[in-house]
C-alpha atoms as a PDB file:
ATOM      1  CA  MET A   1      33.518  -8.502  -0.028  1.00  0.00           C
ATOM      2  CA  LYS A   2      36.965  -7.070   0.707  1.00  0.00           C
ATOM      3  CA  ARG A   3      36.868  -5.152  -2.597  1.00  0.00           C
ATOM      4  CA  ILE A   4      33.466  -3.685  -1.722  1.00  0.00           C
ATOM      5  CA  ILE A   5      34.669  -2.593   1.727  1.00  0.00           C
ATOM      6  CA  ASN A   6      37.830  -1.014   0.305  1.00  0.00           C
ATOM      7  CA  ASN A   7      35.763   0.767  -2.333  1.00  0.00           C
ATOM      8  CA  PHE A   8      33.421   2.112   0.333  1.00  0.00           C
ATOM      9  CA  LEU A   9      36.309   3.333   2.492  1.00  0.00           C
ATOM     10  CA  LYS A  10      37.864   5.022  -0.528  1.00  0.00           C
ATOM     11  CA  TYR A  11      34.748   7.110  -1.132  1.00  0.00           C
ATOM     12  CA  ARG A  12      33.620   7.605   2.486  1.00  0.00           C
ATOM     13  CA  TYR A  13      34.515  11.297   2.366  1.00  0.00           C
ATOM     14  CA  LEU A  14      32.350  11.782  -0.704  1.00  0.00           C
ATOM     15  CA  LEU A  15      29.510  10.056   1.118  1.00  0.00           C
ATOM     16  CA  MET A  16      29.878  12.511   3.990  1.00  0.00           C
ATOM     17  CA  GLU A  17      29.794  15.427   1.564  1.00  0.00           C
ATOM     18  CA  LEU A  18      26.647  14.064  -0.084  1.00  0.00           C
ATOM     19  CA  ILE A  19      25.002  13.779   3.333  1.00  0.00           C
ATOM     20  CA  LYS A  20      25.950  17.368   4.197  1.00  0.00           C
ATOM     21  CA  LYS A  21      24.739  18.545   0.795  1.00  0.00           C
ATOM     22  CA  GLY A  22      21.394  16.806   1.303  1.00  0.00           C
ATOM     23  CA  ILE A  23      20.834  18.452   4.672  1.00  0.00           C
ATOM     24  CA  LYS A  24      21.772  21.892   3.325  1.00  0.00           C
ATOM     25  CA  LEU A  25      19.518  21.570   0.270  1.00  0.00           C
ATOM     26  CA  ARG A  26      16.651  20.328   2.412  1.00  0.00           C
ATOM     27  CA  TYR A  27      16.455  23.654   4.247  1.00  0.00           C
ATOM     28  CA  ARG A  28      17.816  26.018   1.613  1.00  0.00           C
ATOM     29  CA  ARG A  29      15.743  29.207   1.367  1.00  0.00           C
ATOM     30  CA  SER A  30      13.945  28.267   4.587  1.00  0.00           C
ATOM     31  CA  TYR A  31      13.887  30.968   7.251  1.00  0.00           C
ATOM     32  CA  LEU A  32      13.455  28.461  10.067  1.00  0.00           C
ATOM     33  CA  GLY A  33      16.038  26.040   8.703  1.00  0.00           C
ATOM     34  CA  ILE A  34      16.725  23.028  10.902  1.00  0.00           C
ATOM     35  CA  ILE A  35      14.192  24.326  13.451  1.00  0.00           C
ATOM     36  CA  TRP A  36      11.483  23.220  11.034  1.00  0.00           C
ATOM     37  CA  THR A  37      12.617  19.644  11.766  1.00  0.00           C
ATOM     38  CA  LEU A  38      11.264  20.152  15.274  1.00  0.00           C
ATOM     39  CA  LEU A  39       8.213  22.234  14.415  1.00  0.00           C
ATOM     40  CA  GLU A  40       6.791  20.089  11.606  1.00  0.00           C
ATOM     41  CA  PRO A  41       6.227  16.868  13.621  1.00  0.00           C
ATOM     42  CA  LEU A  42       4.959  18.916  16.571  1.00  0.00           C
ATOM     43  CA  LEU A  43       2.379  20.687  14.428  1.00  0.00           C
ATOM     44  CA  MET A  44       1.320  17.426  12.764  1.00  0.00           C
ATOM     45  CA  MET A  45       0.930  15.813  16.175  1.00  0.00           C
ATOM     46  CA  ILE A  46      -1.333  18.656  17.315  1.00  0.00           C
ATOM     47  CA  VAL A  47      -3.466  18.435  14.170  1.00  0.00           C
ATOM     48  CA  LEU A  48      -3.820  14.638  14.288  1.00  0.00           C
ATOM     49  CA  THR A  49      -4.577  14.707  18.009  1.00  0.00           C
ATOM     50  CA  PHE A  50      -7.249  17.338  17.462  1.00  0.00           C
ATOM     51  CA  VAL A  51      -8.812  15.443  14.547  1.00  0.00           C
ATOM     52  CA  PHE A  52      -8.645  11.875  15.871  1.00  0.00           C
ATOM     53  CA  GLY A  53      -8.201  12.357  19.626  1.00  0.00           C
ATOM     54  CA  THR A  54     -11.887  12.488  20.546  1.00  0.00           C
ATOM     55  CA  LEU A  55     -12.814   9.529  18.365  1.00  0.00           C
ATOM     56  CA  LEU A  56      -9.797   7.265  18.809  1.00  0.00           C
ATOM     57  CA  GLY A  57      -7.845   8.681  21.738  1.00  0.00           C
ATOM     58  CA  ARG A  58     -10.726   8.271  24.202  1.00  0.00           C
ATOM     59  CA  GLY A  59      -9.287  10.609  26.780  1.00  0.00           C
ATOM     60  CA  ASP A  60      -5.848   8.992  26.798  1.00  0.00           C
ATOM     61  CA  LYS A  61      -3.429  11.776  27.752  1.00  0.00           C
ATOM     62  CA  THR A  62      -0.529   9.870  26.156  1.00  0.00           C
ATOM     63  CA  TYR A  63      -2.326   9.662  22.803  1.00  0.00           C
ATOM     64  CA  PRO A  64      -0.196  12.530  21.343  1.00  0.00           C
ATOM     65  CA  ILE A  65       2.928  10.500  22.151  1.00  0.00           C
ATOM     66  CA  TYR A  66       1.399   7.460  20.459  1.00  0.00           C
ATOM     67  CA  ILE A  67       0.778   9.528  17.336  1.00  0.00           C
ATOM     68  CA  LEU A  68       4.166  11.236  17.396  1.00  0.00           C
ATOM     69  CA  CYS A  69       6.088   7.940  17.586  1.00  0.00           C
ATOM     70  CA  GLY A  70       4.284   6.609  14.543  1.00  0.00           C
ATOM     71  CA  ARG A  71       4.365   9.864  12.634  1.00  0.00           C
ATOM     72  CA  LEU A  72       8.113  10.403  13.069  1.00  0.00           C
ATOM     73  CA  ALA A  73       9.007   6.866  11.976  1.00  0.00           C
ATOM     74  CA  PHE A  74       6.645   6.866   9.011  1.00  0.00           C
ATOM     75  CA  SER A  75       7.718  10.338   7.896  1.00  0.00           C
ATOM     76  CA  PHE A  76      11.348   9.225   7.762  1.00  0.00           C
ATOM     77  CA  PHE A  77      10.498   6.043   5.843  1.00  0.00           C
ATOM     78  CA  SER A  78       8.346   7.947   3.365  1.00  0.00           C
ATOM     79  CA  THR A  79      10.849  10.763   2.768  1.00  0.00           C
ATOM     80  CA  ALA A  80      13.878   8.466   2.548  1.00  0.00           C
ATOM     81  CA  THR A  81      12.316   6.038   0.067  1.00  0.00           C
ATOM     82  CA  ARG A  82      10.975   8.851  -2.115  1.00  0.00           C
ATOM     83  CA  SER A  83      14.440  10.431  -2.169  1.00  0.00           C
ATOM     84  CA  CYS A  84      16.038   7.107  -3.097  1.00  0.00           C
ATOM     85  CA  LEU A  85      13.566   6.663  -5.921  1.00  0.00           C
ATOM     86  CA  ARG A  86      14.773   9.913  -7.503  1.00  0.00           C
ATOM     87  CA  SER A  87      18.417   9.666  -6.428  1.00  0.00           C
ATOM     88  CA  ILE A  88      19.985   8.336  -9.627  1.00  0.00           C
ATOM     89  CA  ARG A  89      18.085  10.619 -11.999  1.00  0.00           C
ATOM     90  CA  SER A  90      18.610  13.699  -9.834  1.00  0.00           C
ATOM     91  CA  ASN A  91      22.374  13.092  -9.863  1.00  0.00           C
ATOM     92  CA  SER A  92      22.559  12.249 -13.561  1.00  0.00           C
ATOM     93  CA  GLY A  93      24.888  15.202 -14.252  1.00  0.00           C
ATOM     94  CA  MET A  94      27.583  13.920 -11.906  1.00  0.00           C
ATOM     95  CA  ILE A  95      27.124  10.301 -12.979  1.00  0.00           C
ATOM     96  CA  LYS A  96      27.763  11.258 -16.621  1.00  0.00           C
ATOM     97  CA  LYS A  97      30.888  13.255 -15.834  1.00  0.00           C
ATOM     98  CA  VAL A  98      32.886  11.330 -13.220  1.00  0.00           C
ATOM     99  CA  TYR A  99      33.037   7.843 -11.828  1.00  0.00           C
ATOM    100  CA  VAL A 100      31.434   7.506  -8.430  1.00  0.00           C
ATOM    101  CA  PRO A 101      30.017   4.286  -6.977  1.00  0.00           C
ATOM    102  CA  LYS A 102      26.349   4.774  -7.804  1.00  0.00           C
ATOM    103  CA  TYR A 103      25.094   3.169  -4.601  1.00  0.00           C
ATOM    104  CA  LEU A 104      26.416   6.205  -2.725  1.00  0.00           C
ATOM    105  CA  TYR A 105      23.516   8.292  -4.001  1.00  0.00           C
ATOM    106  CA  PRO A 106      20.603   6.286  -2.537  1.00  0.00           C
ATOM    107  CA  LEU A 107      22.700   5.532   0.544  1.00  0.00           C
ATOM    108  CA  SER A 108      23.374   9.227   1.169  1.00  0.00           C
ATOM    109  CA  GLU A 109      19.664  10.011   0.715  1.00  0.00           C
ATOM    110  CA  VAL A 110      18.748   7.543   3.449  1.00  0.00           C
ATOM    111  CA  LEU A 111      21.503   8.663   5.802  1.00  0.00           C
ATOM    112  CA  TYR A 112      20.903  12.411   5.594  1.00  0.00           C
ATOM    113  CA  ASN A 113      17.192  11.879   6.154  1.00  0.00           C
ATOM    114  CA  TYR A 114      18.072   9.636   9.095  1.00  0.00           C
ATOM    115  CA  VAL A 115      20.182  12.411  10.635  1.00  0.00           C
ATOM    116  CA  ILE A 116      17.210  14.770  10.345  1.00  0.00           C
ATOM    117  CA  PHE A 117      14.949  12.086  11.827  1.00  0.00           C
ATOM    118  CA  LEU A 118      17.251  11.654  14.841  1.00  0.00           C
ATOM    119  CA  ILE A 119      17.213  15.412  15.420  1.00  0.00           C
ATOM    120  CA  SER A 120      13.408  15.400  15.317  1.00  0.00           C
ATOM    121  CA  LEU A 121      13.364  12.874  18.188  1.00  0.00           C
ATOM    122  CA  ILE A 122      14.131  15.834  20.455  1.00  0.00           C
ATOM    123  CA  VAL A 123      10.475  16.808  20.050  1.00  0.00           C
ATOM    124  CA  LEU A 124       9.400  13.332  21.180  1.00  0.00           C
ATOM    125  CA  VAL A 125      11.509  13.590  24.335  1.00  0.00           C
ATOM    126  CA  ILE A 126      10.053  17.013  25.168  1.00  0.00           C
ATOM    127  CA  VAL A 127       6.456  15.910  24.562  1.00  0.00           C
ATOM    128  CA  CYS A 128       7.001  12.774  26.669  1.00  0.00           C
ATOM    129  CA  CYS A 129       8.288  14.793  29.609  1.00  0.00           C
ATOM    130  CA  VAL A 130       5.441  17.321  29.323  1.00  0.00           C
ATOM    131  CA  LEU A 131       2.803  14.555  29.307  1.00  0.00           C
ATOM    132  CA  GLY A 132       4.355  12.592  32.156  1.00  0.00           C
ATOM    133  CA  VAL A 133       6.090   9.785  30.261  1.00  0.00           C
ATOM    134  CA  TYR A 134       9.562  10.144  31.693  1.00  0.00           C
ATOM    135  CA  PRO A 135      12.759   8.457  30.455  1.00  0.00           C
ATOM    136  CA  LYS A 136      13.077   4.779  31.314  1.00  0.00           C
ATOM    137  CA  LEU A 137      15.694   2.115  30.788  1.00  0.00           C
ATOM    138  CA  THR A 138      13.639   0.766  27.896  1.00  0.00           C
ATOM    139  CA  TRP A 139      14.421   3.975  26.025  1.00  0.00           C
ATOM    140  CA  LEU A 140      17.948   2.649  25.623  1.00  0.00           C
ATOM    141  CA  LEU A 141      16.549  -0.300  23.658  1.00  0.00           C
ATOM    142  CA  ALA A 142      14.817   2.011  21.184  1.00  0.00           C
ATOM    143  CA  PHE A 143      17.956   1.949  19.034  1.00  0.00           C
ATOM    144  CA  ILE A 144      17.003  -1.599  17.951  1.00  0.00           C
ATOM    145  CA  PRO A 145      13.724  -0.748  16.152  1.00  0.00           C
ATOM    146  CA  LEU A 146      15.305   2.506  14.942  1.00  0.00           C
ATOM    147  CA  LEU A 147      18.167   0.540  13.405  1.00  0.00           C
ATOM    148  CA  GLU A 148      15.613  -1.759  11.765  1.00  0.00           C
ATOM    149  CA  LEU A 149      13.872   1.327  10.421  1.00  0.00           C
ATOM    150  CA  LEU A 150      17.140   2.457   8.833  1.00  0.00           C
ATOM    151  CA  LEU A 151      17.775  -0.968   7.283  1.00  0.00           C
ATOM    152  CA  LEU A 152      14.212  -1.252   6.001  1.00  0.00           C
ATOM    153  CA  SER A 153      14.344   2.190   4.409  1.00  0.00           C
ATOM    154  CA  PHE A 154      17.684   1.455   2.751  1.00  0.00           C
ATOM    155  CA  GLY A 155      16.535  -1.919   1.421  1.00  0.00           C
ATOM    156  CA  VAL A 156      13.287  -0.588  -0.009  1.00  0.00           C
ATOM    157  CA  GLY A 157      15.119   2.506  -1.243  1.00  0.00           C
ATOM    158  CA  MET A 158      17.654   0.466  -3.227  1.00  0.00           C
ATOM    159  CA  ILE A 159      14.853  -1.470  -4.916  1.00  0.00           C
ATOM    160  CA  LEU A 160      13.027   1.751  -5.779  1.00  0.00           C
ATOM    161  CA  ALA A 161      16.223   3.462  -6.983  1.00  0.00           C
ATOM    162  CA  THR A 162      16.781   0.652  -9.484  1.00  0.00           C
ATOM    163  CA  ILE A 163      13.201   0.508 -10.703  1.00  0.00           C
ATOM    164  CA  GLY A 164      12.921   4.294 -10.861  1.00  0.00           C
ATOM    165  CA  VAL A 165      15.642   4.578 -13.509  1.00  0.00           C
ATOM    166  CA  PHE A 166      13.847   2.328 -15.998  1.00  0.00           C
ATOM    167  CA  PHE A 167      10.220   2.935 -15.013  1.00  0.00           C
ATOM    168  CA  ARG A 168       9.516   6.628 -14.461  1.00  0.00           C
ATOM    169  CA  ASP A 169       5.895   6.048 -13.443  1.00  0.00           C
ATOM    170  CA  MET A 170       7.136   4.289 -10.310  1.00  0.00           C
ATOM    171  CA  GLU A 171       7.295   7.665  -8.591  1.00  0.00           C
ATOM    172  CA  TYR A 172       3.532   8.085  -8.939  1.00  0.00           C
ATOM    173  CA  LEU A 173       2.785   4.467  -8.039  1.00  0.00           C
ATOM    174  CA  TRP A 174       4.917   4.731  -4.919  1.00  0.00           C
ATOM    175  CA  SER A 175       2.997   7.830  -3.840  1.00  0.00           C
ATOM    176  CA  VAL A 176      -0.157   5.704  -3.817  1.00  0.00           C
ATOM    177  CA  ALA A 177       1.605   2.781  -2.144  1.00  0.00           C
ATOM    178  CA  ILE A 178       3.075   4.959   0.609  1.00  0.00           C
ATOM    179  CA  THR A 179      -0.414   6.232   1.446  1.00  0.00           C
ATOM    180  CA  LEU A 180      -1.636   2.649   1.841  1.00  0.00           C
ATOM    181  CA  ILE A 181       1.387   1.843   3.995  1.00  0.00           C
ATOM    182  CA  MET A 182       0.570   4.822   6.208  1.00  0.00           C
ATOM    183  CA  TYR A 183      -2.924   3.501   6.946  1.00  0.00           C
ATOM    184  CA  MET A 184      -1.469   0.034   7.549  1.00  0.00           C
ATOM    185  CA  SER A 185       1.032   1.358  10.108  1.00  0.00           C
ATOM    186  CA  ALA A 186      -1.472   2.276  12.858  1.00  0.00           C
ATOM    187  CA  ILE A 187      -0.140   5.791  13.206  1.00  0.00           C
ATOM    188  CA  PHE A 188      -3.268   7.417  14.652  1.00  0.00           C
ATOM    189  CA  TYR A 189      -5.430   4.478  15.755  1.00  0.00           C
ATOM    190  CA  TYR A 190      -5.197   1.611  18.243  1.00  0.00           C
ATOM    191  CA  PRO A 191      -5.424  -1.704  16.335  1.00  0.00           C
ATOM    192  CA  ASP A 192      -6.885  -3.583  19.317  1.00  0.00           C
ATOM    193  CA  GLN A 193      -9.800  -1.130  19.407  1.00  0.00           C
ATOM    194  CA  LEU A 194     -10.634  -1.470  15.713  1.00  0.00           C
ATOM    195  CA  PHE A 195      -9.934  -5.176  15.372  1.00  0.00           C
ATOM    196  CA  LYS A 196     -11.354  -6.989  18.382  1.00  0.00           C
ATOM    197  CA  LYS A 197     -10.139 -10.447  17.324  1.00  0.00           C
ATOM    198  CA  ALA A 198      -6.451 -11.230  17.112  1.00  0.00           C
ATOM    199  CA  ASN A 199      -7.080 -13.528  14.132  1.00  0.00           C
ATOM    200  CA  ASP A 200      -9.109 -10.934  12.242  1.00  0.00           C
ATOM    201  CA  TRP A 201      -7.863 -10.901   8.630  1.00  0.00           C
ATOM    202  CA  LYS A 202      -7.455  -7.138   8.855  1.00  0.00           C
ATOM    203  CA  MET A 203      -5.158  -7.562  11.847  1.00  0.00           C
ATOM    204  CA  LEU A 204      -3.171 -10.193   9.979  1.00  0.00           C
ATOM    205  CA  VAL A 205      -2.739  -7.815   7.023  1.00  0.00           C
ATOM    206  CA  LEU A 206      -1.590  -5.127   9.440  1.00  0.00           C
ATOM    207  CA  LYS A 207       1.041  -7.430  10.924  1.00  0.00           C
ATOM    208  CA  MET A 208       2.384  -8.215   7.456  1.00  0.00           C
ATOM    209  CA  ASN A 209       3.560  -4.619   7.234  1.00  0.00           C
ATOM    210  CA  PRO A 210       7.144  -4.560   8.603  1.00  0.00           C
ATOM    211  CA  LEU A 211       6.881  -0.832   9.254  1.00  0.00           C
ATOM    212  CA  TYR A 212       4.004  -1.535  11.652  1.00  0.00           C
ATOM    213  CA  SER A 213       6.253  -3.973  13.532  1.00  0.00           C
ATOM    214  CA  VAL A 214       9.024  -1.378  13.772  1.00  0.00           C
ATOM    215  CA  ILE A 215       6.671   1.361  14.973  1.00  0.00           C
ATOM    216  CA  THR A 216       5.019  -0.956  17.521  1.00  0.00           C
ATOM    217  CA  ASN A 217       8.336  -1.920  19.104  1.00  0.00           C
ATOM    218  CA  PHE A 218       9.506   1.687  19.073  1.00  0.00           C
ATOM    219  CA  ARG A 219       6.362   2.686  20.949  1.00  0.00           C
ATOM    220  CA  ASN A 220       6.821  -0.175  23.402  1.00  0.00           C
ATOM    221  CA  CYS A 221      10.289   1.128  24.252  1.00  0.00           C
ATOM    222  CA  ILE A 222       9.019   4.683  24.766  1.00  0.00           C
ATOM    223  CA  PHE A 223       6.120   3.555  26.975  1.00  0.00           C
ATOM    224  CA  GLY A 224       8.316   1.237  29.040  1.00  0.00           C
ATOM    225  CA  GLN A 225       6.881  -2.014  27.691  1.00  0.00           C
ATOM    226  CA  ALA A 226       8.635  -5.138  26.475  1.00  0.00           C
ATOM    227  CA  MET A 227       9.287  -5.385  22.758  1.00  0.00           C
ATOM    228  CA  ASN A 228       7.474  -8.005  20.700  1.00  0.00           C
ATOM    229  CA  VAL A 229      10.233 -10.449  19.729  1.00  0.00           C
ATOM    230  CA  LYS A 230       8.284 -11.964  16.827  1.00  0.00           C
ATOM    231  CA  MET A 231       7.707  -8.531  15.322  1.00  0.00           C
ATOM    232  CA  LEU A 232      11.342  -7.652  15.946  1.00  0.00           C
ATOM    233  CA  LEU A 233      12.615 -10.705  14.072  1.00  0.00           C
ATOM    234  CA  TYR A 234      10.071 -10.326  11.272  1.00  0.00           C
ATOM    235  CA  ALA A 235      11.033  -6.705  10.629  1.00  0.00           C
ATOM    236  CA  LEU A 236      14.738  -7.588  10.731  1.00  0.00           C
ATOM    237  CA  LEU A 237      14.432 -10.503   8.296  1.00  0.00           C
ATOM    238  CA  PHE A 238      12.218  -8.477   5.965  1.00  0.00           C
ATOM    239  CA  SER A 239      14.702  -5.586   6.017  1.00  0.00           C
ATOM    240  CA  LEU A 240      17.694  -7.822   5.312  1.00  0.00           C
ATOM    241  CA  ALA A 241      15.793  -9.524   2.478  1.00  0.00           C
ATOM    242  CA  CYS A 242      15.007  -6.118   0.949  1.00  0.00           C
ATOM    243  CA  ILE A 243      18.660  -5.090   1.220  1.00  0.00           C
ATOM    244  CA  ALA A 244      19.817  -8.325  -0.433  1.00  0.00           C
ATOM    245  CA  ILE A 245      17.303  -7.980  -3.280  1.00  0.00           C
ATOM    246  CA  GLY A 246      17.864  -4.246  -3.672  1.00  0.00           C
ATOM    247  CA  VAL A 247      21.669  -4.420  -3.730  1.00  0.00           C
ATOM    248  CA  ALA A 248      21.684  -7.415  -6.103  1.00  0.00           C
ATOM    249  CA  ALA A 249      19.295  -5.699  -8.531  1.00  0.00           C
ATOM    250  CA  PHE A 250      21.162  -2.386  -8.269  1.00  0.00           C
ATOM    251  CA  VAL A 251      24.573  -3.944  -8.973  1.00  0.00           C
ATOM    252  CA  LYS A 252      23.197  -5.954 -11.879  1.00  0.00           C
ATOM    253  CA  LYS A 253      21.551  -2.968 -13.578  1.00  0.00           C
ATOM    254  CA  GLN A 254      23.844  -0.068 -12.641  1.00  0.00           C
ATOM    255  CA  ASP A 255      25.906  -0.236 -15.848  1.00  0.00           C
ATOM    256  CA  LYS A 256      22.733   0.437 -17.840  1.00  0.00           C
ATOM    257  CA  PHE A 257      21.763   3.506 -15.803  1.00  0.00           C
ATOM    258  CA  ILE A 258      23.802   5.791 -18.045  1.00  0.00           C
ATOM    259  CA  LEU A 259      21.604   4.809 -21.015  1.00  0.00           C
ATOM    260  CA  GLU A 260      18.378   5.742 -19.252  1.00  0.00           C
ATOM    261  CA  ILE A 261      19.101   8.916 -17.286  1.00  0.00           C
END
């Protein structure tokens, strides 16, 4: 463990440069630049509210906030995991030329997307204030589900980064899987309205999705409600399990990456 920590500290400056590079490349040749981080979720919120508001919102004036919370969290998870999946192959030139701890590439992908995600939360604060959901003490607890979101994305990302080197079709399979995860995350619908019974098998499937647990607790913090402890623990344990599996698989296979990229 000490060797791993020392190795990380040795290359921490490179990690920072990779994060900066990721942010710069994300908005290269974009006229709006970082402003698009604020506009994109706002525009998606408007579209989703317009499309689903009448059917699912049922006159709830806070429905746009409900959507925005889910959309922001899911968008980060989707973008970060997709980036991790391609991280080793997209940095094949550097990997072949110099020695760099390979885990820095998927890690930097998650972290730079997380920085962009945190910036986009400014839109959520503005929309909340406009619609009458003002800051509460529970907002301070939002860092807990947001930290779980970071851990979950990193764990899943490490697994995908390893698989993606040896199985190129994983990129297409994950595109399908991420769409299913989106519908299982209750981004634009209220689960209690669609599934009347708590023991409905559809509700049980929904609760098996750790991202749903993270989004639910994040929303609870924003709306001033108590977090669901069972969901909190489930998402945390699932995230840590993914990290353990992902890191173990990555370390075991990383010496063979050079033969595949």
